[in-house]
């Protein structure tokens, strides 16, 4: 998959939408719902953070409207390499490695608030909405 319009949203982007962050909401609307993708990892993180069945149902309904990119062998293998290379010196977590690997394998930009968590990954394209 290569789609220059498609953006992979990090978990923190969706959390900010639910918190009502108007800047993030505006940016996501500008990108367009049809151009928003999330990793399986983001789905799992959001479900894990749900406080009750109602929130879980809302999350499921909203995620069903997005492109969900599953973790496959290529993503998994790259994530393992990224953790091996960057966990000690950059504190790269496994969920972040899986999300970054998803963006790299699919050749799409990652939209995240936490640029510091990813900026050391040379092959990862980060989306900067201020450009």
N, C-alpha and C. Protein backbone atom coordinates (compact mmCIF):
# COMPACT_ATOMS: atom_id res chain seq x y z
N UNK A 1 0.86 -1.18 0.00
CA UNK A 1 0.00 0.00 0.00
C UNK A 1 0.89 1.23 0.00
N UNK A 2 0.70 2.11 -0.94
CA UNK A 2 1.36 3.40 -0.89
C UNK A 2 0.32 4.44 -1.28
N UNK A 3 0.05 5.30 -0.34
CA UNK A 3 -0.94 6.34 -0.55
C UNK A 3 -0.43 7.58 0.15
N UNK A 4 0.00 8.55 -0.62
CA UNK A 4 0.59 9.76 -0.04
C UNK A 4 -0.43 10.55 0.78
N UNK A 5 -1.71 10.30 0.55
CA UNK A 5 -2.75 10.98 1.32
C UNK A 5 -2.99 10.29 2.67
N UNK A 6 -2.79 8.98 2.70
CA UNK A 6 -3.07 8.18 3.89
C UNK A 6 -2.10 8.55 5.01
N UNK A 7 -2.63 8.64 6.22
CA UNK A 7 -1.82 8.89 7.41
C UNK A 7 -2.14 7.81 8.43
N UNK A 8 -1.11 7.31 9.07
CA UNK A 8 -1.29 6.37 10.18
C UNK A 8 -1.32 7.18 11.45
N UNK A 9 -2.42 7.13 12.17
CA UNK A 9 -2.55 7.90 13.40
C UNK A 9 -2.07 7.10 14.60
N UNK A 10 -1.19 7.70 15.35
CA UNK A 10 -0.74 7.12 16.61
C UNK A 10 -1.91 7.16 17.59
N UNK A 11 -1.84 6.34 18.60
CA UNK A 11 -2.90 6.26 19.60
C UNK A 11 -3.20 7.62 20.22
N UNK A 12 -2.15 8.41 20.46
CA UNK A 12 -2.36 9.70 21.12
C UNK A 12 -3.19 10.67 20.29
N UNK A 13 -3.21 10.52 18.99
CA UNK A 13 -4.04 11.38 18.14
C UNK A 13 -5.51 11.09 18.40
N UNK A 14 -5.87 9.80 18.45
CA UNK A 14 -7.27 9.46 18.70
C UNK A 14 -7.69 9.85 20.11
N UNK A 15 -6.80 9.68 21.07
CA UNK A 15 -7.11 10.10 22.44
C UNK A 15 -7.40 11.60 22.47
N UNK A 16 -6.60 12.38 21.76
CA UNK A 16 -6.82 13.83 21.72
C UNK A 16 -8.13 14.20 21.06
N UNK A 17 -8.55 13.43 20.08
CA UNK A 17 -9.86 13.67 19.46
C UNK A 17 -10.95 13.46 20.50
N UNK A 18 -10.87 12.37 21.25
CA UNK A 18 -11.88 12.10 22.29
C UNK A 18 -11.84 13.15 23.40
N UNK A 19 -10.70 13.77 23.61
CA UNK A 19 -10.58 14.83 24.62
C UNK A 19 -11.08 16.18 24.09
N UNK A 20 -11.37 16.23 22.80
CA UNK A 20 -11.90 17.46 22.22
C UNK A 20 -10.84 18.45 21.77
N UNK A 21 -9.62 18.00 21.50
CA UNK A 21 -8.55 18.87 21.04
C UNK A 21 -8.90 19.40 19.64
N UNK A 22 -9.28 20.67 19.57
CA UNK A 22 -9.79 21.24 18.31
C UNK A 22 -8.74 21.28 17.20
N UNK A 23 -7.46 21.49 17.56
CA UNK A 23 -6.42 21.50 16.53
C UNK A 23 -6.27 20.13 15.88
N UNK A 24 -6.27 19.08 16.70
CA UNK A 24 -6.15 17.72 16.18
C UNK A 24 -7.40 17.37 15.36
N UNK A 25 -8.57 17.71 15.87
CA UNK A 25 -9.81 17.42 15.16
C UNK A 25 -9.80 18.10 13.79
N UNK A 26 -9.38 19.36 13.74
CA UNK A 26 -9.31 20.10 12.47
C UNK A 26 -8.35 19.41 11.50
N UNK A 27 -7.18 19.02 12.00
CA UNK A 27 -6.19 18.37 11.15
C UNK A 27 -6.73 17.05 10.59
N UNK A 28 -7.37 16.26 11.44
CA UNK A 28 -7.91 14.97 10.98
C UNK A 28 -9.03 15.19 9.97
N UNK A 29 -9.86 16.21 10.19
CA UNK A 29 -10.91 16.51 9.21
C UNK A 29 -10.29 16.93 7.88
N UNK A 30 -9.19 17.68 7.93
CA UNK A 30 -8.51 18.11 6.71
C UNK A 30 -7.92 16.90 5.97
N UNK A 31 -7.35 15.96 6.70
CA UNK A 31 -6.81 14.74 6.09
C UNK A 31 -7.95 13.95 5.45
N UNK A 32 -9.08 13.87 6.13
CA UNK A 32 -10.24 13.13 5.65
C UNK A 32 -10.30 11.74 6.25
N UNK A 33 -11.47 11.38 6.72
CA UNK A 33 -11.67 10.08 7.38
C UNK A 33 -11.21 8.92 6.50
N UNK A 34 -11.43 9.02 5.19
CA UNK A 34 -11.05 7.95 4.27
C UNK A 34 -9.53 7.80 4.13
N UNK A 35 -8.78 8.79 4.61
CA UNK A 35 -7.32 8.76 4.55
C UNK A 35 -6.68 8.48 5.90
N UNK A 36 -7.47 8.10 6.88
CA UNK A 36 -6.96 7.81 8.22
C UNK A 36 -6.85 6.31 8.41
N UNK A 37 -5.67 5.88 8.83
CA UNK A 37 -5.44 4.47 9.16
C UNK A 37 -4.93 4.39 10.59
N UNK A 38 -5.17 3.25 11.21
CA UNK A 38 -4.63 2.97 12.54
C UNK A 38 -4.09 1.54 12.54
N UNK A 39 -3.15 1.32 13.41
CA UNK A 39 -2.59 -0.01 13.60
C UNK A 39 -3.47 -0.83 14.53
N UNK A 40 -3.38 -2.14 14.39
CA UNK A 40 -4.02 -3.02 15.38
C UNK A 40 -3.59 -2.65 16.80
N UNK A 41 -2.36 -2.20 16.94
CA UNK A 41 -1.83 -1.83 18.26
C UNK A 41 -2.64 -0.68 18.84
N UNK A 42 -2.95 0.31 18.02
CA UNK A 42 -3.76 1.44 18.48
C UNK A 42 -5.14 0.97 18.92
N UNK A 43 -5.74 0.10 18.15
CA UNK A 43 -7.05 -0.45 18.56
C UNK A 43 -6.94 -1.11 19.93
N UNK A 44 -5.94 -1.95 20.11
CA UNK A 44 -5.77 -2.66 21.38
C UNK A 44 -5.52 -1.68 22.52
N UNK A 45 -4.70 -0.66 22.29
CA UNK A 45 -4.43 0.32 23.35
C UNK A 45 -5.70 1.08 23.73
N UNK A 46 -6.50 1.45 22.75
CA UNK A 46 -7.75 2.15 23.04
C UNK A 46 -8.73 1.25 23.79
N UNK A 47 -8.87 0.01 23.35
CA UNK A 47 -9.77 -0.92 24.04
C UNK A 47 -9.30 -1.15 25.47
N UNK A 48 -8.00 -1.26 25.66
CA UNK A 48 -7.44 -1.47 27.00
C UNK A 48 -7.78 -0.30 27.93
N UNK A 49 -7.82 0.90 27.37
CA UNK A 49 -8.09 2.09 28.17
C UNK A 49 -9.56 2.40 28.38
N UNK A 50 -10.44 1.63 27.75
CA UNK A 50 -11.88 1.87 27.91
C UNK A 50 -12.27 1.65 29.37
N UNK A 51 -13.09 2.55 29.88
CA UNK A 51 -13.49 2.48 31.29
C UNK A 51 -14.75 1.67 31.52
N UNK A 52 -15.52 1.43 30.45
CA UNK A 52 -16.77 0.67 30.61
C UNK A 52 -17.24 0.18 29.24
N UNK A 53 -18.33 -0.60 29.25
CA UNK A 53 -18.85 -1.18 28.00
C UNK A 53 -19.28 -0.11 27.01
N UNK A 54 -19.83 0.97 27.52
CA UNK A 54 -20.29 2.05 26.63
C UNK A 54 -19.11 2.65 25.85
N UNK A 55 -18.02 2.95 26.56
CA UNK A 55 -16.84 3.48 25.88
C UNK A 55 -16.29 2.48 24.88
N UNK A 56 -16.31 1.22 25.25
CA UNK A 56 -15.83 0.17 24.35
C UNK A 56 -16.67 0.13 23.07
N UNK A 57 -18.00 0.26 23.21
CA UNK A 57 -18.89 0.27 22.04
C UNK A 57 -18.63 1.48 21.16
N UNK A 58 -18.41 2.64 21.78
CA UNK A 58 -18.12 3.86 21.02
C UNK A 58 -16.81 3.70 20.25
N UNK A 59 -15.80 3.17 20.92
CA UNK A 59 -14.52 2.95 20.26
C UNK A 59 -14.67 2.01 19.07
N UNK A 60 -15.37 0.91 19.26
CA UNK A 60 -15.57 -0.06 18.19
C UNK A 60 -16.29 0.59 17.00
N UNK A 61 -17.34 1.35 17.30
CA UNK A 61 -18.10 2.03 16.23
C UNK A 61 -17.19 2.99 15.46
N UNK A 62 -16.41 3.77 16.19
CA UNK A 62 -15.54 4.75 15.53
C UNK A 62 -14.41 4.08 14.76
N UNK A 63 -13.80 3.06 15.32
CA UNK A 63 -12.69 2.38 14.65
C UNK A 63 -13.16 1.65 13.39
N UNK A 64 -14.40 1.19 13.40
CA UNK A 64 -14.94 0.51 12.21
C UNK A 64 -15.02 1.44 11.00
N UNK A 65 -14.95 2.74 11.22
CA UNK A 65 -15.01 3.72 10.13
C UNK A 65 -13.63 4.02 9.54
N UNK A 66 -12.58 3.48 10.16
CA UNK A 66 -11.22 3.76 9.73
C UNK A 66 -10.60 2.54 9.08
N UNK A 67 -9.49 2.77 8.39
CA UNK A 67 -8.70 1.66 7.84
C UNK A 67 -7.82 1.13 8.96
N UNK A 68 -7.98 -0.14 9.27
CA UNK A 68 -7.17 -0.76 10.33
C UNK A 68 -6.13 -1.64 9.66
N UNK A 69 -4.86 -1.36 9.95
CA UNK A 69 -3.76 -2.12 9.34
C UNK A 69 -3.28 -3.17 10.33
N UNK A 70 -3.47 -4.44 9.98
CA UNK A 70 -3.07 -5.52 10.89
C UNK A 70 -1.56 -5.71 10.94
N UNK A 71 -1.11 -6.27 12.03
CA UNK A 71 0.31 -6.63 12.16
C UNK A 71 0.52 -7.92 11.39
N UNK A 72 1.43 -7.89 10.43
CA UNK A 72 1.75 -9.09 9.68
C UNK A 72 3.21 -9.46 9.97
N UNK A 73 3.71 -10.48 9.31
CA UNK A 73 5.07 -10.95 9.57
C UNK A 73 6.11 -9.88 9.26
N UNK A 74 5.92 -9.11 8.19
CA UNK A 74 6.88 -8.07 7.83
C UNK A 74 6.94 -6.98 8.91
N UNK A 75 5.78 -6.58 9.37
CA UNK A 75 5.71 -5.55 10.42
C UNK A 75 6.33 -6.08 11.70
N UNK A 76 5.99 -7.29 12.06
CA UNK A 76 6.52 -7.90 13.27
C UNK A 76 8.05 -8.01 13.22
N UNK A 77 8.56 -8.49 12.11
CA UNK A 77 10.02 -8.63 11.97
C UNK A 77 10.73 -7.28 12.05
N UNK A 78 10.17 -6.28 11.39
CA UNK A 78 10.79 -4.95 11.44
C UNK A 78 10.71 -4.38 12.85
N UNK A 79 9.60 -4.57 13.53
CA UNK A 79 9.46 -4.06 14.90
C UNK A 79 10.50 -4.69 15.83
N UNK A 80 10.74 -5.97 15.67
CA UNK A 80 11.77 -6.64 16.49
C UNK A 80 13.13 -6.01 16.23
N UNK A 81 13.45 -5.76 14.97
CA UNK A 81 14.73 -5.11 14.64
C UNK A 81 14.82 -3.71 15.24
N UNK A 82 13.72 -2.97 15.17
CA UNK A 82 13.71 -1.61 15.72
C UNK A 82 13.91 -1.63 17.24
N UNK A 83 13.25 -2.56 17.91
CA UNK A 83 13.42 -2.66 19.36
C UNK A 83 14.85 -3.03 19.70
N UNK A 84 15.41 -3.98 18.96
CA UNK A 84 16.80 -4.39 19.21
C UNK A 84 17.75 -3.20 19.04
N UNK A 85 17.51 -2.40 18.03
CA UNK A 85 18.42 -1.29 17.71
C UNK A 85 18.19 -0.06 18.59
N UNK A 86 16.93 0.21 18.98
CA UNK A 86 16.64 1.50 19.61
C UNK A 86 16.08 1.46 21.04
N UNK A 87 15.76 0.31 21.55
CA UNK A 87 15.16 0.27 22.89
C UNK A 87 16.12 0.77 23.96
N UNK A 88 17.38 0.38 23.90
CA UNK A 88 18.32 0.77 24.95
C UNK A 88 18.67 2.24 24.93
N UNK A 89 18.89 2.79 23.75
CA UNK A 89 19.38 4.16 23.67
C UNK A 89 18.30 5.21 23.48
N UNK A 90 17.15 4.80 22.96
CA UNK A 90 16.07 5.75 22.72
C UNK A 90 14.79 5.38 23.44
N UNK A 91 14.84 4.31 24.21
CA UNK A 91 13.68 3.87 25.00
C UNK A 91 12.46 3.57 24.12
N UNK A 92 12.70 3.03 22.93
CA UNK A 92 11.60 2.68 22.04
C UNK A 92 10.82 1.52 22.64
N UNK A 93 9.52 1.73 22.83
CA UNK A 93 8.66 0.68 23.39
C UNK A 93 8.19 -0.26 22.29
N UNK A 94 7.74 -1.44 22.69
CA UNK A 94 7.22 -2.40 21.71
C UNK A 94 6.00 -1.85 20.97
N UNK A 95 5.00 -1.26 21.66
CA UNK A 95 3.87 -0.71 20.90
C UNK A 95 4.30 0.36 19.89
N UNK A 96 5.22 1.25 20.29
CA UNK A 96 5.69 2.28 19.37
C UNK A 96 6.46 1.66 18.20
N UNK A 97 7.23 0.63 18.47
CA UNK A 97 7.97 -0.04 17.39
C UNK A 97 7.01 -0.68 16.40
N UNK A 98 5.95 -1.29 16.90
CA UNK A 98 4.95 -1.91 16.00
C UNK A 98 4.23 -0.86 15.17
N UNK A 99 3.89 0.26 15.79
CA UNK A 99 3.21 1.34 15.06
C UNK A 99 4.16 1.94 14.01
N UNK A 100 5.40 2.19 14.39
CA UNK A 100 6.38 2.74 13.44
C UNK A 100 6.61 1.75 12.29
N UNK A 101 6.75 0.48 12.61
CA UNK A 101 6.98 -0.53 11.57
C UNK A 101 5.80 -0.59 10.62
N UNK A 102 4.59 -0.42 11.14
CA UNK A 102 3.40 -0.42 10.28
C UNK A 102 3.48 0.73 9.27
N UNK A 103 3.84 1.91 9.73
CA UNK A 103 3.97 3.06 8.83
C UNK A 103 5.08 2.85 7.81
N UNK A 104 6.20 2.31 8.27
CA UNK A 104 7.34 2.10 7.36
C UNK A 104 6.98 1.07 6.29
N UNK A 105 6.44 -0.06 6.70
CA UNK A 105 6.10 -1.13 5.75
C UNK A 105 5.07 -0.66 4.73
N UNK A 106 4.09 0.12 5.18
CA UNK A 106 3.04 0.60 4.27
C UNK A 106 3.42 1.90 3.56
N UNK A 107 4.61 2.42 3.88
CA UNK A 107 5.12 3.63 3.24
C UNK A 107 4.15 4.81 3.37
N UNK A 108 3.67 5.01 4.60
CA UNK A 108 2.78 6.14 4.88
C UNK A 108 3.31 6.93 6.07
N UNK A 109 2.91 8.18 6.16
CA UNK A 109 3.36 9.04 7.24
C UNK A 109 2.65 8.69 8.54
N UNK A 110 3.38 8.86 9.64
CA UNK A 110 2.82 8.66 10.97
C UNK A 110 2.46 10.02 11.55
N UNK A 111 1.23 10.14 12.00
CA UNK A 111 0.76 11.35 12.66
C UNK A 111 0.74 11.08 14.15
N UNK A 112 1.60 11.78 14.88
CA UNK A 112 1.73 11.59 16.32
C UNK A 112 2.00 12.92 17.00
N UNK A 113 1.65 13.00 18.25
CA UNK A 113 1.99 14.16 19.07
C UNK A 113 3.40 13.99 19.62
N UNK A 114 3.78 12.76 19.89
CA UNK A 114 5.06 12.46 20.54
C UNK A 114 6.17 12.25 19.51
N UNK A 115 6.58 13.31 18.86
CA UNK A 115 7.61 13.21 17.84
C UNK A 115 8.91 12.66 18.41
N UNK A 116 9.21 12.98 19.66
CA UNK A 116 10.46 12.52 20.28
C UNK A 116 10.53 11.00 20.37
N UNK A 117 9.38 10.34 20.40
CA UNK A 117 9.36 8.88 20.48
C UNK A 117 9.77 8.22 19.16
N UNK A 118 9.79 9.00 18.07
CA UNK A 118 10.01 8.42 16.75
C UNK A 118 11.07 9.14 15.90
N UNK A 119 11.48 10.35 16.27
CA UNK A 119 12.30 11.17 15.38
C UNK A 119 13.65 10.56 15.02
N UNK A 120 14.13 9.61 15.77
CA UNK A 120 15.41 8.97 15.51
C UNK A 120 15.32 7.84 14.47
N UNK A 121 14.11 7.53 14.03
CA UNK A 121 13.91 6.47 13.03
C UNK A 121 14.01 7.07 11.63
N UNK A 122 15.14 6.88 10.99
CA UNK A 122 15.42 7.52 9.70
C UNK A 122 14.46 7.12 8.60
N UNK A 123 13.98 5.90 8.61
CA UNK A 123 13.13 5.44 7.51
C UNK A 123 11.65 5.73 7.74
N UNK A 124 11.32 6.32 8.87
CA UNK A 124 9.94 6.65 9.20
C UNK A 124 9.62 8.07 8.76
N UNK A 125 8.53 8.23 8.02
CA UNK A 125 8.07 9.56 7.61
C UNK A 125 7.07 10.05 8.67
N UNK A 126 7.37 11.21 9.25
CA UNK A 126 6.46 11.78 10.24
C UNK A 126 5.64 12.88 9.60
N UNK A 127 4.36 12.89 9.90
CA UNK A 127 3.46 13.91 9.37
C UNK A 127 3.52 15.13 10.26
N UNK A 128 3.77 16.27 9.64
CA UNK A 128 3.81 17.53 10.37
C UNK A 128 2.71 18.43 9.80
N UNK A 129 1.61 18.58 10.54
CA UNK A 129 0.48 19.34 10.00
C UNK A 129 0.74 20.83 9.85
N UNK A 130 1.86 21.33 10.37
CA UNK A 130 2.13 22.77 10.27
C UNK A 130 2.81 23.12 8.95
N UNK A 131 3.20 22.09 8.19
CA UNK A 131 3.87 22.34 6.91
C UNK A 131 2.85 22.69 5.85
